[in-house]
Amino acid sequence: MAKPTVDSDQIRELAKLLEETGLTEVEVSDGDRSIRVARGSIASAIAAPLTAPAPTPPAHGIENDPGAVTSPMVGTVYVAQNPDTPPFVTVGAQVSEGDTLFIVEAMKVMNPIPAPRGGIVKAILVADAQPVEFGETLLILE
């Protein structure tokens, strides 16, 4: 098995992205290779062939709420289409399955986060332009 090569420029670019966004971790995949850069007390970078990922635990203690809607990715959450428009949802609002709840920007791509089912918004747990982690609870539906 060949030893994986490390793309130092890509690692620097990802580290800069962490600094700019305030995120603690970012991962990119290309074919059978993946690079993950994380920061904390010690920053790390890993370049390895892809394998089945282990599940990541949710970031907040309310993940067991049956109405929890979690982020499917690491990125920056936006509560509205743009700063001049009202938020997609507010506490107490009725939503239908598929309605856009948020947008999560990851690697310059805007990803709409749809409601997994209909219900009433019980709580919104994120602020506009807040960095979010994979599995972090964004909203609670009743």
Protein backbone atom coordinates (compact mmCIF):
# COMPACT_ATOMS: atom_id res chain seq x y z
CA MET A 1 0.00 0.00 0.00
CA ALA A 2 1.45 3.36 -1.03
CA LYS A 3 2.00 5.94 1.66
CA PRO A 4 -0.48 8.84 1.23
CA THR A 5 1.02 12.12 0.11
CA VAL A 6 0.16 15.31 1.94
CA ASP A 7 -0.97 18.43 0.04
CA SER A 8 0.55 21.14 2.25
CA ASP A 9 -1.05 23.97 0.26
CA GLN A 10 -4.53 22.48 0.68
CA ILE A 11 -3.95 21.99 4.42
CA ARG A 12 -2.86 25.65 4.74
CA GLU A 13 -5.96 26.75 2.79
CA LEU A 14 -8.24 24.68 5.06
CA ALA A 15 -6.49 26.00 8.19
CA LYS A 16 -7.05 29.55 6.93
CA LEU A 17 -10.75 28.70 6.39
CA LEU A 18 -10.97 27.51 10.02
CA GLU A 19 -9.43 30.77 11.20
CA GLU A 20 -11.74 32.94 9.06
CA THR A 21 -14.96 31.13 9.99
CA GLY A 22 -14.28 30.22 13.60
CA LEU A 23 -15.01 26.55 12.84
CA THR A 24 -13.18 23.85 14.76
CA GLU A 25 -13.01 21.28 11.98
CA VAL A 26 -13.31 21.01 8.19
CA GLU A 27 -12.99 17.98 5.92
CA VAL A 28 -12.80 17.69 2.14
CA SER A 29 -12.90 14.52 0.05
CA ASP A 30 -11.69 13.85 -3.46
CA GLY A 31 -12.19 10.35 -4.77
CA ASP A 32 -10.69 7.89 -2.29
CA ARG A 33 -8.74 10.57 -0.37
CA SER A 34 -9.85 12.83 2.42
CA ILE A 35 -8.19 15.69 4.28
CA ARG A 36 -9.50 16.79 7.66
CA VAL A 37 -8.12 19.78 9.52
CA ALA A 38 -9.24 20.38 13.09
CA ARG A 39 -8.24 22.85 15.74
CA GLY A 40 -8.45 22.89 19.48
CA SER A 41 -5.60 22.86 21.92
CA ILE A 42 -3.57 21.10 19.23
CA ALA A 43 -4.37 21.44 15.50
CA SER A 44 -4.18 18.30 13.40
CA ALA A 45 -4.32 17.39 9.76
CA ILE A 46 -5.01 13.92 8.41
CA ALA A 47 -4.65 12.65 4.84
CA ALA A 48 -5.87 9.09 4.44
CA PRO A 49 -7.93 6.85 2.17
CA LEU A 50 -11.66 7.09 2.87
CA THR A 51 -13.27 4.42 4.99
CA ALA A 52 -16.73 4.17 6.44
CA PRO A 53 -16.93 7.17 8.82
CA ALA A 54 -17.78 6.65 12.44
CA PRO A 55 -20.91 8.50 13.52
CA THR A 56 -20.19 11.92 15.02
CA PRO A 57 -22.05 12.67 18.23
CA PRO A 58 -24.27 15.74 18.18
CA ALA A 59 -22.76 18.90 19.61
CA HIS A 60 -25.52 19.79 22.12
CA GLY A 61 -27.28 17.96 24.97
CA ILE A 62 -30.74 18.23 23.37
CA GLU A 63 -29.94 15.81 20.56
CA ASN A 64 -32.28 13.23 22.11
CA ASP A 65 -35.31 15.46 21.58
CA PRO A 66 -37.47 13.67 18.97
CA GLY A 67 -38.01 16.98 17.18
CA ALA A 68 -34.31 17.88 16.92
CA VAL A 69 -33.22 19.00 13.45
CA THR A 70 -29.44 18.74 13.16
CA SER A 71 -26.89 20.14 10.76
CA PRO A 72 -25.90 17.63 8.08
CA MET A 73 -22.51 19.33 7.66
CA VAL A 74 -19.91 21.69 9.08
CA GLY A 75 -20.41 25.26 7.91
CA THR A 76 -22.00 28.61 8.64
CA VAL A 77 -25.75 28.72 9.24
CA TYR A 78 -27.93 31.50 7.85
CA VAL A 79 -31.48 32.03 9.09
CA ALA A 80 -32.64 34.02 6.02
CA GLN A 81 -32.06 34.08 2.27
CA ASN A 82 -30.09 37.32 2.70
CA PRO A 83 -29.69 39.98 5.41
CA ASP A 84 -32.56 42.09 4.01
CA THR A 85 -35.20 39.33 4.13
CA PRO A 86 -37.11 37.87 7.08
CA PRO A 87 -35.94 34.55 8.57
CA PHE A 88 -37.11 31.32 6.98
CA VAL A 89 -38.80 30.32 10.27
CA THR A 90 -39.56 31.78 13.68
CA VAL A 91 -40.50 30.17 16.99
CA GLY A 92 -44.18 29.18 16.86
CA ALA A 93 -44.28 28.98 13.05
CA GLN A 94 -45.98 26.04 11.36
CA VAL A 95 -43.73 24.28 8.81
CA SER A 96 -44.40 21.55 6.28
CA GLU A 97 -42.08 18.73 5.33
CA GLY A 98 -39.51 20.07 2.86
CA ASP A 99 -39.84 23.75 3.85
CA THR A 100 -36.45 25.47 4.07
CA LEU A 101 -35.49 26.06 7.71
CA PHE A 102 -31.95 27.40 7.24
CA ILE A 103 -29.09 27.59 4.78
CA VAL A 104 -25.71 26.13 5.73
CA GLU A 105 -22.79 27.46 3.73
CA ALA A 106 -19.98 24.96 3.33
CA MET A 107 -17.02 25.59 1.03
CA LYS A 108 -18.82 28.52 -0.66
CA VAL A 109 -21.88 26.34 -1.45
CA MET A 110 -25.25 27.36 -0.01
CA ASN A 111 -27.10 24.23 1.16
CA PRO A 112 -30.79 24.58 2.09
CA ILE A 113 -31.77 22.61 5.20
CA PRO A 114 -35.32 21.29 4.71
CA ALA A 115 -37.79 20.37 7.43
CA PRO A 116 -37.70 16.57 7.79
CA ARG A 117 -41.41 16.60 8.71
CA GLY A 118 -44.19 19.05 9.36
CA GLY A 119 -44.66 20.63 12.77
CA ILE A 120 -44.43 23.77 14.86
CA VAL A 121 -41.06 25.38 15.56
CA LYS A 122 -40.54 24.96 19.31
CA ALA A 123 -37.02 26.44 19.54
CA ILE A 124 -34.31 27.87 17.30
CA LEU A 125 -30.89 27.13 18.76
CA VAL A 126 -28.59 28.99 16.36
CA ALA A 127 -27.99 32.60 15.39
CA ASP A 128 -27.49 34.03 11.94
CA ALA A 129 -23.95 33.56 10.54
CA GLN A 130 -23.02 31.18 13.39
CA PRO A 131 -20.52 28.39 12.67
CA VAL A 132 -22.09 24.95 13.15
CA GLU A 133 -20.70 21.45 13.41
CA PHE A 134 -21.98 18.25 11.84
CA GLY A 135 -24.78 16.88 14.03
CA GLU A 136 -25.29 20.13 15.96
CA THR A 137 -28.93 20.71 16.82
CA LEU A 138 -30.25 23.72 14.91
CA LEU A 139 -33.95 23.68 15.74
CA ILE A 140 -36.61 21.71 17.63
CA LEU A 141 -39.95 20.83 15.97
CA GLU A 142 -43.06 19.88 17.98
